[in-house]
């Protein structure tokens, strides 16, 4: 199994000379099984690069399974620009957590509303279908075995464990840590003391994440903030590398990938973070890698190869 990072940025795209090495596109990860089957996790602007890659290789046809962590804009804004959506031989199959008020299909149709885009999703050459995913649910798109689990983020988010080819990886994005803030329906503008019931729910959520990712070869984790930034914005729904390290240590994970980089983290900042946390990871027995756009990781095996997507 291989993982390719087509978008590694959070919040909004940041195309600029100072972000060129790590990349400026928003969240999109491709998981490729050894037999050639593909899963896509999140559909930020990185999805456009993946679509161009598939078009260049004549791989537009067939069903394209996309797992969405949640429906915030930086995780869905690539959908109307995904090249297979313009090919009648393709089908776009979306898997995501349900919205409490509207059917998933109706919510996602909003990315191509007539006020914002010249064509509705129903007008695309490839049909879209939608599958609502519940926490702790396991489903099997193609040869993959996917297990969903809850994350701590405004309006909710879902993480995914993906098993194939005798190995596994997990995608944990977007999430706050499971301590002082419980995110429910909406963004919190400030902090209030959590109730005992909230504390129990946070612990249950954390236990669910640990249970899901235990023993994974590789975990891709939302590390949007530095510790100093998190202290200012603990109610934004994102984590730090330290929090990711603490959660992933001692549960049989080989590699932690720092991901969902903040838009103000340029290449120089990410270089510093990469060196610091690679060293801290070695101290606790974790290989820590910082996600870069175009990076390809081999999942499983004694020494997975790294290369750049072509």
C-alpha atoms as a PDB file:
ATOM      1  CA  UNK A   1       0.000   0.000   0.000  1.00  0.00           C
ATOM      2  CA  UNK A   2       1.219   3.489  -0.869  1.00  0.00           C
ATOM      3  CA  UNK A   3       0.078   6.903   0.353  1.00  0.00           C
ATOM      4  CA  UNK A   4       0.531  10.017  -1.794  1.00  0.00           C
ATOM      5  CA  UNK A   5      -0.006  13.519  -0.395  1.00  0.00           C
ATOM      6  CA  UNK A   6      -1.650  15.807  -2.958  1.00  0.00           C
ATOM      7  CA  UNK A   7      -2.612  18.545  -0.460  1.00  0.00           C
ATOM      8  CA  UNK A   8      -1.173  19.040   3.033  1.00  0.00           C
ATOM      9  CA  UNK A   9      -2.362  22.507   4.045  1.00  0.00           C
ATOM     10  CA  UNK A  10      -5.195  23.486   6.379  1.00  0.00           C
ATOM     11  CA  UNK A  11      -7.774  26.301   6.336  1.00  0.00           C
ATOM     12  CA  UNK A  12      -7.080  27.750   2.882  1.00  0.00           C
ATOM     13  CA  UNK A  13      -4.615  27.341  -0.009  1.00  0.00           C
ATOM     14  CA  UNK A  14      -1.290  29.161   0.269  1.00  0.00           C
ATOM     15  CA  UNK A  15       0.455  29.252  -3.130  1.00  0.00           C
ATOM     16  CA  UNK A  16       3.610  31.282  -2.596  1.00  0.00           C
ATOM     17  CA  UNK A  17       7.402  31.091  -3.020  1.00  0.00           C
ATOM     18  CA  UNK A  18       7.778  30.544   0.738  1.00  0.00           C
ATOM     19  CA  UNK A  19       5.497  27.464   0.735  1.00  0.00           C
ATOM     20  CA  UNK A  20       6.737  25.790  -2.450  1.00  0.00           C
ATOM     21  CA  UNK A  21       8.675  22.935  -0.781  1.00  0.00           C
ATOM     22  CA  UNK A  22       5.903  21.702   1.510  1.00  0.00           C
ATOM     23  CA  UNK A  23       3.032  22.803  -0.702  1.00  0.00           C
ATOM     24  CA  UNK A  24       0.061  25.125  -0.536  1.00  0.00           C
ATOM     25  CA  UNK A  25      -2.909  22.940  -1.547  1.00  0.00           C
ATOM     26  CA  UNK A  26      -5.487  21.901   1.044  1.00  0.00           C
ATOM     27  CA  UNK A  27      -6.144  18.405   2.346  1.00  0.00           C
ATOM     28  CA  UNK A  28      -6.097  15.447  -0.038  1.00  0.00           C
ATOM     29  CA  UNK A  29      -4.425  12.056   0.394  1.00  0.00           C
ATOM     30  CA  UNK A  30      -4.448   9.122  -2.042  1.00  0.00           C
ATOM     31  CA  UNK A  31      -4.182   5.551  -0.742  1.00  0.00           C
ATOM     32  CA  UNK A  32      -3.219   3.028  -3.422  1.00  0.00           C
ATOM     33  CA  UNK A  33      -3.435  -0.728  -2.850  1.00  0.00           C
ATOM     34  CA  UNK A  34      -0.831  -3.013  -4.377  1.00  0.00           C
ATOM     35  CA  UNK A  35      -3.448  -4.280  -6.832  1.00  0.00           C
ATOM     36  CA  UNK A  36      -4.059  -0.748  -8.144  1.00  0.00           C
ATOM     37  CA  UNK A  37      -7.305   0.053  -6.289  1.00  0.00           C
ATOM     38  CA  UNK A  38      -7.534   3.587  -4.939  1.00  0.00           C
ATOM     39  CA  UNK A  39      -9.088   5.460  -2.031  1.00  0.00           C
ATOM     40  CA  UNK A  40      -8.989   9.248  -1.725  1.00  0.00           C
ATOM     41  CA  UNK A  41      -9.225  10.869   1.698  1.00  0.00           C
ATOM     42  CA  UNK A  42     -10.504  14.445   1.684  1.00  0.00           C
ATOM     43  CA  UNK A  43     -11.174  16.633  -1.335  1.00  0.00           C
ATOM     44  CA  UNK A  44      -9.386  19.915  -0.770  1.00  0.00           C
ATOM     45  CA  UNK A  45      -7.635  21.720  -3.597  1.00  0.00           C
ATOM     46  CA  UNK A  46      -5.063  18.924  -3.716  1.00  0.00           C
ATOM     47  CA  UNK A  47      -7.771  16.834  -5.375  1.00  0.00           C
ATOM     48  CA  UNK A  48      -7.288  18.871  -8.557  1.00  0.00           C
ATOM     49  CA  UNK A  49      -3.659  17.724  -8.753  1.00  0.00           C
ATOM     50  CA  UNK A  50      -4.695  14.130  -8.257  1.00  0.00           C
ATOM     51  CA  UNK A  51      -7.304  14.481 -11.007  1.00  0.00           C
ATOM     52  CA  UNK A  52      -4.697  15.879 -13.401  1.00  0.00           C
ATOM     53  CA  UNK A  53      -2.380  12.998 -12.486  1.00  0.00           C
ATOM     54  CA  UNK A  54      -5.107  10.437 -13.250  1.00  0.00           C
ATOM     55  CA  UNK A  55      -5.942  12.147 -16.546  1.00  0.00           C
ATOM     56  CA  UNK A  56      -2.282  12.092 -17.629  1.00  0.00           C
ATOM     57  CA  UNK A  57      -2.244   8.327 -17.031  1.00  0.00           C
ATOM     58  CA  UNK A  58      -5.580   7.573 -18.686  1.00  0.00           C
ATOM     59  CA  UNK A  59      -7.159   6.542 -15.367  1.00  0.00           C
ATOM     60  CA  UNK A  60     -10.325   8.649 -15.281  1.00  0.00           C
ATOM     61  CA  UNK A  61     -12.813   5.788 -15.777  1.00  0.00           C
ATOM     62  CA  UNK A  62     -14.232   3.639 -12.983  1.00  0.00           C
ATOM     63  CA  UNK A  63     -15.481   4.367  -9.489  1.00  0.00           C
ATOM     64  CA  UNK A  64     -13.494   6.854  -7.428  1.00  0.00           C
ATOM     65  CA  UNK A  65     -14.135   6.425  -3.689  1.00  0.00           C
ATOM     66  CA  UNK A  66     -13.605   9.602  -1.647  1.00  0.00           C
ATOM     67  CA  UNK A  67     -13.696   9.585   2.169  1.00  0.00           C
ATOM     68  CA  UNK A  68     -14.407  12.991   3.692  1.00  0.00           C
ATOM     69  CA  UNK A  69     -13.275  13.717   7.229  1.00  0.00           C
ATOM     70  CA  UNK A  70     -15.907  16.470   7.429  1.00  0.00           C
ATOM     71  CA  UNK A  71     -17.533  19.105   5.273  1.00  0.00           C
ATOM     72  CA  UNK A  72     -15.551  22.231   6.046  1.00  0.00           C
ATOM     73  CA  UNK A  73     -14.511  24.138   2.951  1.00  0.00           C
ATOM     74  CA  UNK A  74     -10.802  23.283   2.938  1.00  0.00           C
ATOM     75  CA  UNK A  75     -11.718  19.571   2.766  1.00  0.00           C
ATOM     76  CA  UNK A  76     -14.248  19.720  -0.094  1.00  0.00           C
ATOM     77  CA  UNK A  77     -13.324  22.657  -2.334  1.00  0.00           C
ATOM     78  CA  UNK A  78     -11.598  20.474  -4.919  1.00  0.00           C
ATOM     79  CA  UNK A  79     -14.690  18.401  -5.738  1.00  0.00           C
ATOM     80  CA  UNK A  80     -15.991  20.514  -8.666  1.00  0.00           C
ATOM     81  CA  UNK A  81     -12.510  20.511 -10.238  1.00  0.00           C
ATOM     82  CA  UNK A  82     -11.767  16.762 -10.038  1.00  0.00           C
ATOM     83  CA  UNK A  83     -11.022  15.620 -13.611  1.00  0.00           C
ATOM     84  CA  UNK A  84     -12.877  12.246 -13.398  1.00  0.00           C
ATOM     85  CA  UNK A  85     -16.100  14.146 -12.646  1.00  0.00           C
ATOM     86  CA  UNK A  86     -16.051  15.321 -16.280  1.00  0.00           C
ATOM     87  CA  UNK A  87     -15.802  11.802 -17.734  1.00  0.00           C
ATOM     88  CA  UNK A  88     -18.989   9.774 -18.284  1.00  0.00           C
ATOM     89  CA  UNK A  89     -17.065   6.528 -17.739  1.00  0.00           C
ATOM     90  CA  UNK A  90     -16.397   7.536 -14.127  1.00  0.00           C
ATOM     91  CA  UNK A  91     -18.463   7.503 -10.941  1.00  0.00           C
ATOM     92  CA  UNK A  92     -17.681   9.598  -7.846  1.00  0.00           C
ATOM     93  CA  UNK A  93     -18.635   7.796  -4.633  1.00  0.00           C
ATOM     94  CA  UNK A  94     -18.552  10.041  -1.547  1.00  0.00           C
ATOM     95  CA  UNK A  95     -18.390   8.618   2.003  1.00  0.00           C
ATOM     96  CA  UNK A  96     -18.852  11.090   4.870  1.00  0.00           C
ATOM     97  CA  UNK A  97     -20.458  11.616   8.255  1.00  0.00           C
ATOM     98  CA  UNK A  98     -24.140  12.615   8.074  1.00  0.00           C
ATOM     99  CA  UNK A  99     -25.319  16.147   8.605  1.00  0.00           C
ATOM    100  CA  UNK A 100     -27.893  16.407  11.383  1.00  0.00           C
ATOM    101  CA  UNK A 101     -30.248  18.632   9.412  1.00  0.00           C
ATOM    102  CA  UNK A 102     -29.950  17.720   5.718  1.00  0.00           C
ATOM    103  CA  UNK A 103     -29.161  14.682   3.584  1.00  0.00           C
ATOM    104  CA  UNK A 104     -25.481  14.441   2.687  1.00  0.00           C
ATOM    105  CA  UNK A 105     -26.218  14.778  -1.040  1.00  0.00           C
ATOM    106  CA  UNK A 106     -28.020  18.067  -0.481  1.00  0.00           C
ATOM    107  CA  UNK A 107     -25.253  19.490   1.703  1.00  0.00           C
ATOM    108  CA  UNK A 108     -22.484  18.651  -0.765  1.00  0.00           C
ATOM    109  CA  UNK A 109     -24.496  19.975  -3.699  1.00  0.00           C
ATOM    110  CA  UNK A 110     -23.710  23.374  -2.180  1.00  0.00           C
ATOM    111  CA  UNK A 111     -20.117  23.264  -3.499  1.00  0.00           C
ATOM    112  CA  UNK A 112     -21.566  23.769  -6.976  1.00  0.00           C
ATOM    113  CA  UNK A 113     -24.586  25.980  -6.319  1.00  0.00           C
ATOM    114  CA  UNK A 114     -25.452  28.227  -9.241  1.00  0.00           C
ATOM    115  CA  UNK A 115     -24.492  31.353  -7.264  1.00  0.00           C
ATOM    116  CA  UNK A 116     -20.915  30.063  -6.932  1.00  0.00           C
ATOM    117  CA  UNK A 117     -20.279  27.693  -9.850  1.00  0.00           C
ATOM    118  CA  UNK A 118     -21.491  27.416 -13.464  1.00  0.00           C
ATOM    119  CA  UNK A 119     -22.703  23.796 -13.215  1.00  0.00           C
ATOM    120  CA  UNK A 120     -24.517  21.762 -10.563  1.00  0.00           C
ATOM    121  CA  UNK A 121     -23.123  18.397  -9.455  1.00  0.00           C
ATOM    122  CA  UNK A 122     -26.083  16.733 -11.191  1.00  0.00           C
ATOM    123  CA  UNK A 123     -24.897  18.222 -14.481  1.00  0.00           C
ATOM    124  CA  UNK A 124     -21.438  16.651 -14.360  1.00  0.00           C
ATOM    125  CA  UNK A 125     -20.687  13.817 -16.793  1.00  0.00           C
ATOM    126  CA  UNK A 126     -19.880  11.397 -13.957  1.00  0.00           C
ATOM    127  CA  UNK A 127     -22.674  10.562 -11.509  1.00  0.00           C
ATOM    128  CA  UNK A 128     -22.115  11.239  -7.811  1.00  0.00           C
ATOM    129  CA  UNK A 129     -23.427   8.940  -5.111  1.00  0.00           C
ATOM    130  CA  UNK A 130     -23.339   9.554  -1.380  1.00  0.00           C
ATOM    131  CA  UNK A 131     -22.896   7.208   1.582  1.00  0.00           C
ATOM    132  CA  UNK A 132     -23.373   8.353   5.167  1.00  0.00           C
ATOM    133  CA  UNK A 133     -20.792   6.903   7.558  1.00  0.00           C
ATOM    134  CA  UNK A 134     -21.330   6.457  11.295  1.00  0.00           C
ATOM    135  CA  UNK A 135     -18.715   6.318  14.044  1.00  0.00           C
ATOM    136  CA  UNK A 136     -17.366   2.806  14.677  1.00  0.00           C
ATOM    137  CA  UNK A 137     -18.757   1.656  11.334  1.00  0.00           C
ATOM    138  CA  UNK A 138     -16.585  -0.600   9.159  1.00  0.00           C
ATOM    139  CA  UNK A 139     -17.136  -0.721   5.400  1.00  0.00           C
ATOM    140  CA  UNK A 140     -15.280  -2.185   2.437  1.00  0.00           C
ATOM    141  CA  UNK A 141     -14.859   0.000  -0.656  1.00  0.00           C
ATOM    142  CA  UNK A 142     -13.116  -2.315  -3.119  1.00  0.00           C
ATOM    143  CA  UNK A 143     -10.396  -4.316  -1.347  1.00  0.00           C
ATOM    144  CA  UNK A 144      -9.956  -1.794   1.474  1.00  0.00           C
ATOM    145  CA  UNK A 145     -11.328  -2.255   4.974  1.00  0.00           C
ATOM    146  CA  UNK A 146     -12.198   1.155   6.435  1.00  0.00           C
ATOM    147  CA  UNK A 147     -13.145   1.843  10.056  1.00  0.00           C
ATOM    148  CA  UNK A 148     -14.521   5.264  10.998  1.00  0.00           C
ATOM    149  CA  UNK A 149     -14.138   6.968  14.393  1.00  0.00           C
ATOM    150  CA  UNK A 150     -15.170  10.288  15.945  1.00  0.00           C
ATOM    151  CA  UNK A 151     -12.886  13.294  16.249  1.00  0.00           C
ATOM    152  CA  UNK A 152     -13.116  16.465  18.345  1.00  0.00           C
ATOM    153  CA  UNK A 153     -13.831  19.297  15.906  1.00  0.00           C
ATOM    154  CA  UNK A 154     -16.508  22.005  15.480  1.00  0.00           C
ATOM    155  CA  UNK A 155     -19.581  20.416  13.845  1.00  0.00           C
ATOM    156  CA  UNK A 156     -17.824  17.039  14.148  1.00  0.00           C
ATOM    157  CA  UNK A 157     -15.260  15.176  12.071  1.00  0.00           C
ATOM    158  CA  UNK A 158     -14.446  11.555  11.296  1.00  0.00           C
ATOM    159  CA  UNK A 159     -11.125   9.760  11.276  1.00  0.00           C
ATOM    160  CA  UNK A 160     -10.474   6.633   9.252  1.00  0.00           C
ATOM    161  CA  UNK A 161      -8.352   3.530   9.693  1.00  0.00           C
ATOM    162  CA  UNK A 162      -7.585   1.900   6.332  1.00  0.00           C
ATOM    163  CA  UNK A 163      -6.442  -1.733   6.105  1.00  0.00           C
ATOM    164  CA  UNK A 164      -5.177  -3.374   2.903  1.00  0.00           C
ATOM    165  CA  UNK A 165      -2.294  -5.554   1.709  1.00  0.00           C
ATOM    166  CA  UNK A 166      -1.660  -6.849   5.219  1.00  0.00           C
ATOM    167  CA  UNK A 167      -0.875  -3.384   6.615  1.00  0.00           C
ATOM    168  CA  UNK A 168      -2.727  -0.265   7.754  1.00  0.00           C
ATOM    169  CA  UNK A 169      -2.688   3.503   7.970  1.00  0.00           C
ATOM    170  CA  UNK A 170      -4.948   5.988   9.732  1.00  0.00           C
ATOM    171  CA  UNK A 171      -6.098   9.513   8.917  1.00  0.00           C
ATOM    172  CA  UNK A 172      -6.789  11.669  12.001  1.00  0.00           C
ATOM    173  CA  UNK A 173      -7.825  15.118  10.760  1.00  0.00           C
ATOM    174  CA  UNK A 174      -9.273  17.563  11.915  1.00  0.00           C
ATOM    175  CA  UNK A 175      -9.213  17.183  15.678  1.00  0.00           C
ATOM    176  CA  UNK A 176      -8.507  19.037  18.872  1.00  0.00           C
ATOM    177  CA  UNK A 177      -7.002  17.061  21.759  1.00  0.00           C
ATOM    178  CA  UNK A 178      -9.381  15.327  24.135  1.00  0.00           C
ATOM    179  CA  UNK A 179      -8.922  17.438  27.234  1.00  0.00           C
ATOM    180  CA  UNK A 180     -10.180  20.954  27.945  1.00  0.00           C
ATOM    181  CA  UNK A 181     -12.582  21.535  25.036  1.00  0.00           C
ATOM    182  CA  UNK A 182     -15.419  19.338  23.766  1.00  0.00           C
ATOM    183  CA  UNK A 183     -16.533  20.508  20.330  1.00  0.00           C
ATOM    184  CA  UNK A 184     -20.179  19.830  19.623  1.00  0.00           C
ATOM    185  CA  UNK A 185     -22.185  21.500  16.879  1.00  0.00           C
ATOM    186  CA  UNK A 186     -20.553  24.870  16.307  1.00  0.00           C
ATOM    187  CA  UNK A 187     -17.326  26.822  16.662  1.00  0.00           C
ATOM    188  CA  UNK A 188     -16.657  27.975  20.217  1.00  0.00           C
ATOM    189  CA  UNK A 189     -15.815  31.656  20.562  1.00  0.00           C
ATOM    190  CA  UNK A 190     -14.327  31.189  24.005  1.00  0.00           C
ATOM    191  CA  UNK A 191     -13.624  28.589  26.633  1.00  0.00           C
ATOM    192  CA  UNK A 192     -15.936  27.496  29.401  1.00  0.00           C
ATOM    193  CA  UNK A 193     -15.174  24.893  32.055  1.00  0.00           C
ATOM    194  CA  UNK A 194     -16.239  21.486  30.790  1.00  0.00           C
ATOM    195  CA  UNK A 195     -18.815  19.526  32.733  1.00  0.00           C
ATOM    196  CA  UNK A 196     -18.208  16.086  34.171  1.00  0.00           C
ATOM    197  CA  UNK A 197     -20.346  14.634  31.380  1.00  0.00           C
ATOM    198  CA  UNK A 198     -18.237  16.473  28.768  1.00  0.00           C
ATOM    199  CA  UNK A 199     -15.072  15.125  30.338  1.00  0.00           C
ATOM    200  CA  UNK A 200     -16.401  11.580  30.160  1.00  0.00           C
ATOM    201  CA  UNK A 201     -17.370  12.092  26.513  1.00  0.00           C
ATOM    202  CA  UNK A 202     -13.892  13.403  25.694  1.00  0.00           C
ATOM    203  CA  UNK A 203     -12.294  10.389  27.359  1.00  0.00           C
ATOM    204  CA  UNK A 204     -14.606   8.053  25.462  1.00  0.00           C
ATOM    205  CA  UNK A 205     -13.723   9.808  22.196  1.00  0.00           C
ATOM    206  CA  UNK A 206      -9.996   9.561  22.906  1.00  0.00           C
ATOM    207  CA  UNK A 207     -10.352   5.880  23.790  1.00  0.00           C
ATOM    208  CA  UNK A 208     -12.138   5.349  20.469  1.00  0.00           C
ATOM    209  CA  UNK A 209      -9.307   6.984  18.523  1.00  0.00           C
ATOM    210  CA  UNK A 210      -6.654   4.942  20.326  1.00  0.00           C
ATOM    211  CA  UNK A 211      -8.622   1.744  19.807  1.00  0.00           C
ATOM    212  CA  UNK A 212      -8.983   2.475  16.085  1.00  0.00           C
ATOM    213  CA  UNK A 213      -5.373   3.415  15.339  1.00  0.00           C
ATOM    214  CA  UNK A 214      -3.602   0.971  17.655  1.00  0.00           C
ATOM    215  CA  UNK A 215      -1.077  -1.111  15.717  1.00  0.00           C
ATOM    216  CA  UNK A 216      -1.283   0.992  12.528  1.00  0.00           C
ATOM    217  CA  UNK A 217       1.931   1.211  10.547  1.00  0.00           C
ATOM    218  CA  UNK A 218       1.424   4.913   9.770  1.00  0.00           C
ATOM    219  CA  UNK A 219      -0.814   7.604  11.279  1.00  0.00           C
ATOM    220  CA  UNK A 220      -1.452  10.915   9.476  1.00  0.00           C
ATOM    221  CA  UNK A 221      -2.373  13.458  12.155  1.00  0.00           C
ATOM    222  CA  UNK A 222      -3.669  17.037  12.297  1.00  0.00           C
ATOM    223  CA  UNK A 223      -0.752  19.033  13.771  1.00  0.00           C
ATOM    224  CA  UNK A 224      -1.933  22.456  12.678  1.00  0.00           C
ATOM    225  CA  UNK A 225      -0.612  24.431  15.658  1.00  0.00           C
ATOM    226  CA  UNK A 226       2.628  24.884  17.509  1.00  0.00           C
ATOM    227  CA  UNK A 227       2.172  24.618  21.305  1.00  0.00           C
ATOM    228  CA  UNK A 228       2.380  28.412  21.571  1.00  0.00           C
ATOM    229  CA  UNK A 229      -0.340  28.872  18.954  1.00  0.00           C
ATOM    230  CA  UNK A 230      -2.549  26.247  20.540  1.00  0.00           C
ATOM    231  CA  UNK A 231      -2.379  28.091  23.871  1.00  0.00           C
ATOM    232  CA  UNK A 232      -3.964  31.090  22.123  1.00  0.00           C
ATOM    233  CA  UNK A 233      -6.546  29.123  20.093  1.00  0.00           C
ATOM    234  CA  UNK A 234      -7.517  25.929  21.965  1.00  0.00           C
ATOM    235  CA  UNK A 235     -11.098  26.334  20.761  1.00  0.00           C
ATOM    236  CA  UNK A 236     -10.279  26.152  17.018  1.00  0.00           C
ATOM    237  CA  UNK A 237     -10.422  22.348  16.812  1.00  0.00           C
ATOM    238  CA  UNK A 238      -6.811  21.482  15.898  1.00  0.00           C
ATOM    239  CA  UNK A 239      -3.847  19.776  17.568  1.00  0.00           C
ATOM    240  CA  UNK A 240      -0.092  20.171  17.951  1.00  0.00           C
ATOM    241  CA  UNK A 241       2.713  17.720  17.148  1.00  0.00           C
ATOM    242  CA  UNK A 242       3.286  17.234  20.884  1.00  0.00           C
ATOM    243  CA  UNK A 243      -0.326  16.164  21.362  1.00  0.00           C
ATOM    244  CA  UNK A 244      -0.091  13.798  18.397  1.00  0.00           C
ATOM    245  CA  UNK A 245       3.136  12.280  19.756  1.00  0.00           C
ATOM    246  CA  UNK A 246       1.572  11.756  23.177  1.00  0.00           C
ATOM    247  CA  UNK A 247      -1.447   9.967  21.734  1.00  0.00           C
ATOM    248  CA  UNK A 248       0.504   7.795  19.274  1.00  0.00           C
ATOM    249  CA  UNK A 249       3.329   6.703  21.594  1.00  0.00           C
ATOM    250  CA  UNK A 250       3.282   3.175  22.984  1.00  0.00           C
ATOM    251  CA  UNK A 251       0.406   1.764  20.932  1.00  0.00           C
ATOM    252  CA  UNK A 252       2.326  -0.046  18.209  1.00  0.00           C
ATOM    253  CA  UNK A 253       2.546   2.750  15.619  1.00  0.00           C
ATOM    254  CA  UNK A 254       5.709   2.927  13.526  1.00  0.00           C
ATOM    255  CA  UNK A 255       5.370   6.276  11.772  1.00  0.00           C
ATOM    256  CA  UNK A 256       3.588   9.545  12.576  1.00  0.00           C
ATOM    257  CA  UNK A 257       3.047  12.042   9.741  1.00  0.00           C
ATOM    258  CA  UNK A 258       2.581  15.718  10.674  1.00  0.00           C
ATOM    259  CA  UNK A 259      -0.206  17.098   8.471  1.00  0.00           C
ATOM    260  CA  UNK A 260      -2.765  19.892   7.883  1.00  0.00           C
ATOM    261  CA  UNK A 261      -0.116  22.600   8.135  1.00  0.00           C
ATOM    262  CA  UNK A 262      -1.299  26.043   9.200  1.00  0.00           C
ATOM    263  CA  UNK A 263      -1.407  28.585   6.363  1.00  0.00           C
ATOM    264  CA  UNK A 264       1.092  30.837   8.182  1.00  0.00           C
ATOM    265  CA  UNK A 265       3.646  28.010   8.528  1.00  0.00           C
ATOM    266  CA  UNK A 266       6.072  28.633   5.682  1.00  0.00           C
ATOM    267  CA  UNK A 267       8.848  26.291   4.567  1.00  0.00           C
ATOM    268  CA  UNK A 268      11.324  27.674   7.113  1.00  0.00           C
ATOM    269  CA  UNK A 269       8.917  27.122  10.017  1.00  0.00           C
ATOM    270  CA  UNK A 270       8.060  23.618   8.809  1.00  0.00           C
ATOM    271  CA  UNK A 271      11.766  22.808   8.444  1.00  0.00           C
ATOM    272  CA  UNK A 272      12.252  23.705  12.097  1.00  0.00           C
ATOM    273  CA  UNK A 273       9.230  21.700  13.203  1.00  0.00           C
ATOM    274  CA  UNK A 274      10.275  18.739  11.083  1.00  0.00           C
ATOM    275  CA  UNK A 275      13.746  18.568  12.659  1.00  0.00           C
ATOM    276  CA  UNK A 276      12.484  19.091  16.188  1.00  0.00           C
ATOM    277  CA  UNK A 277       9.779  16.447  16.089  1.00  0.00           C
ATOM    278  CA  UNK A 278      11.828  13.906  14.175  1.00  0.00           C
ATOM    279  CA  UNK A 279      14.240  14.048  17.126  1.00  0.00           C
ATOM    280  CA  UNK A 280      11.472  13.928  19.748  1.00  0.00           C
ATOM    281  CA  UNK A 281       9.911  11.006  17.910  1.00  0.00           C
ATOM    282  CA  UNK A 282      13.151   9.022  18.000  1.00  0.00           C
ATOM    283  CA  UNK A 283      13.224   9.454  21.763  1.00  0.00           C
ATOM    284  CA  UNK A 284       9.878   7.643  22.106  1.00  0.00           C
ATOM    285  CA  UNK A 285      10.354   5.113  19.307  1.00  0.00           C
ATOM    286  CA  UNK A 286       8.309   6.841  16.598  1.00  0.00           C
ATOM    287  CA  UNK A 287       9.476   7.794  13.134  1.00  0.00           C
ATOM    288  CA  UNK A 288       8.096  11.303  12.574  1.00  0.00           C
ATOM    289  CA  UNK A 289       7.708  12.613   9.024  1.00  0.00           C
ATOM    290  CA  UNK A 290       6.388  16.018   7.947  1.00  0.00           C
ATOM    291  CA  UNK A 291       3.959  15.794   5.029  1.00  0.00           C
ATOM    292  CA  UNK A 292       4.988  17.465   1.779  1.00  0.00           C
ATOM    293  CA  UNK A 293       2.879  17.858  -1.331  1.00  0.00           C
ATOM    294  CA  UNK A 294       3.822  15.093  -3.775  1.00  0.00           C
ATOM    295  CA  UNK A 295       5.417  12.886  -1.107  1.00  0.00           C
ATOM    296  CA  UNK A 296       4.799   9.162  -1.581  1.00  0.00           C
ATOM    297  CA  UNK A 297       5.160   6.806   1.390  1.00  0.00           C
ATOM    298  CA  UNK A 298       5.281   3.045   1.238  1.00  0.00           C
ATOM    299  CA  UNK A 299       3.148   1.675   4.094  1.00  0.00           C
ATOM    300  CA  UNK A 300       4.353  -1.485   5.794  1.00  0.00           C
ATOM    301  CA  UNK A 301       7.651  -3.306   5.492  1.00  0.00           C
ATOM    302  CA  UNK A 302      10.866  -2.790   7.387  1.00  0.00           C
ATOM    303  CA  UNK A 303      11.998   0.376   5.599  1.00  0.00           C
ATOM    304  CA  UNK A 304       9.250   1.943   3.444  1.00  0.00           C
ATOM    305  CA  UNK A 305      10.547   3.927   0.483  1.00  0.00           C
ATOM    306  CA  UNK A 306       9.897   7.637   0.045  1.00  0.00           C
ATOM    307  CA  UNK A 307       9.685   9.332  -3.299  1.00  0.00           C
ATOM    308  CA  UNK A 308       7.965  12.223  -5.049  1.00  0.00           C
ATOM    309  CA  UNK A 309       4.861  11.644  -7.181  1.00  0.00           C
ATOM    310  CA  UNK A 310       5.446  11.938 -10.932  1.00  0.00           C
END
